[in-house]
Amino acid sequence: MGGIQMYTYIYPDNLKSSAVLWLWQLRDIGIIGVGLLLSVFAMAQLRLLPPLVITALYAFLTIRFDDTSILDFIRYASAFFLTKQQTYEWGYGEP
C-alpha cells in the first residue's frame, strides 16, 4: 500500500500555448459574452441592432486557426503597410 504512484500529465506545447476553448481564446470568449449581454440589453431596451452586429463581427474575426486569427492578420497587415516604417538598404559590394 505504501508504493509510489506515477502520474503522467500531458500539457499542450509545454505550457507555452494560450488557453483556447472551441475556436476562440478565453479572453475573446469573455469579450464576446459581455458583448452579447450588452447587445441583448440594447436590443431589448433601445431597439438597437448595431451592437449585436459588432459583437458578431468581432466573434467572426477572432476565430483561431493554427494559432492565428483574421483579426491578427489585419493587425499585421496594417502594421506592415501603414504604421511601421519600412527600410531598404542599397549598396554595392560586400556587406
Protein backbone atom coordinates (compact mmCIF):
# COMPACT_ATOMS: atom_id res chain seq x y z
CA MET A 1 0.00 0.00 0.00
CA GLY A 2 2.89 2.38 0.53
CA GLY A 3 4.03 2.35 -3.13
CA ILE A 4 4.84 5.40 -5.23
CA GLN A 5 2.22 6.32 -7.79
CA MET A 6 3.36 7.87 -11.04
CA TYR A 7 1.06 10.23 -12.92
CA THR A 8 1.54 11.40 -16.47
CA TYR A 9 0.21 14.82 -17.37
CA ILE A 10 0.03 15.96 -20.95
CA TYR A 11 0.21 19.72 -21.45
CA PRO A 12 -0.15 21.45 -24.83
CA ASP A 13 3.10 22.95 -26.15
CA ASN A 14 4.90 22.69 -22.80
CA LEU A 15 2.58 25.26 -21.18
CA LYS A 16 3.53 27.91 -23.74
CA SER A 17 0.30 27.94 -25.73
CA SER A 18 -2.64 30.10 -24.78
CA ALA A 19 -5.88 28.75 -23.35
CA VAL A 20 -8.37 28.01 -26.13
CA LEU A 21 -12.00 26.95 -25.89
CA TRP A 22 -13.61 25.78 -29.12
CA LEU A 23 -12.26 28.20 -31.73
CA TRP A 24 -11.54 31.23 -29.51
CA GLN A 25 -9.10 32.19 -26.79
CA LEU A 26 -10.66 32.50 -23.36
CA ARG A 27 -10.12 36.28 -23.39
CA ASP A 28 -12.10 36.52 -26.63
CA ILE A 29 -14.91 34.36 -25.23
CA GLY A 30 -15.18 36.74 -22.27
CA ILE A 31 -15.34 39.77 -24.56
CA ILE A 32 -17.93 38.06 -26.80
CA GLY A 33 -20.02 37.08 -23.76
CA VAL A 34 -20.05 40.61 -22.33
CA GLY A 35 -20.73 42.00 -25.82
CA LEU A 36 -23.67 39.65 -26.28
CA LEU A 37 -25.08 40.58 -22.90
CA LEU A 38 -24.86 44.30 -23.65
CA SER A 39 -26.16 43.74 -27.19
CA VAL A 40 -29.24 41.88 -25.99
CA PHE A 41 -29.88 44.63 -23.44
CA ALA A 42 -29.52 47.33 -26.12
CA MET A 43 -31.80 45.40 -28.46
CA ALA A 44 -34.49 44.84 -25.83
CA GLN A 45 -34.49 48.31 -24.28
CA LEU A 46 -33.37 50.64 -27.07
CA ARG A 47 -34.19 48.57 -30.16
CA LEU A 48 -30.63 48.99 -31.46
CA LEU A 49 -29.19 46.33 -33.76
CA PRO A 50 -25.62 47.66 -34.37
CA PRO A 51 -24.15 46.38 -31.04
CA LEU A 52 -25.25 42.85 -31.92
CA VAL A 53 -23.74 43.17 -35.40
CA ILE A 54 -20.45 44.47 -33.94
CA THR A 55 -20.32 41.60 -31.45
CA ALA A 56 -20.99 39.03 -34.18
CA LEU A 57 -18.31 40.62 -36.38
CA TYR A 58 -15.79 40.50 -33.51
CA ALA A 59 -16.69 36.85 -32.87
CA PHE A 60 -16.08 36.03 -36.55
CA LEU A 61 -12.79 37.94 -36.75
CA THR A 62 -11.34 36.28 -33.64
CA ILE A 63 -11.88 32.66 -34.71
CA ARG A 64 -8.47 30.98 -34.40
CA PHE A 65 -6.96 28.52 -36.85
CA ASP A 66 -3.34 27.38 -36.41
CA ASP A 67 -2.80 29.94 -33.61
CA THR A 68 -3.73 32.96 -35.74
CA SER A 69 -6.97 34.78 -36.44
CA ILE A 70 -8.33 37.07 -39.13
CA LEU A 71 -8.04 39.98 -36.69
CA ASP A 72 -4.34 39.18 -36.14
CA PHE A 73 -3.78 39.13 -39.89
CA ILE A 74 -5.48 42.53 -40.25
CA ARG A 75 -3.29 43.92 -37.45
CA TYR A 76 -0.11 42.56 -39.06
CA ALA A 77 -1.09 43.88 -42.48
CA SER A 78 -1.96 47.35 -41.17
CA ALA A 79 1.33 47.48 -39.25
CA PHE A 80 3.26 46.47 -42.36
CA PHE A 81 1.51 48.82 -44.78
CA LEU A 82 0.56 51.77 -42.55
CA THR A 83 2.20 52.14 -39.16
CA LYS A 84 5.68 50.58 -39.28
CA GLN A 85 8.42 52.20 -41.27
CA GLN A 86 9.94 50.00 -43.96
CA THR A 87 13.66 50.37 -44.58
CA TYR A 88 15.55 49.36 -47.69
CA GLU A 89 19.31 49.40 -47.98
CA TRP A 90 21.02 49.84 -51.31
CA GLY A 91 24.63 49.15 -51.80
CA TYR A 92 27.35 47.85 -53.99
CA GLY A 93 29.94 45.43 -52.81
CA GLU A 94 30.14 43.25 -49.76
CA PRO A 95 28.01 43.98 -46.69
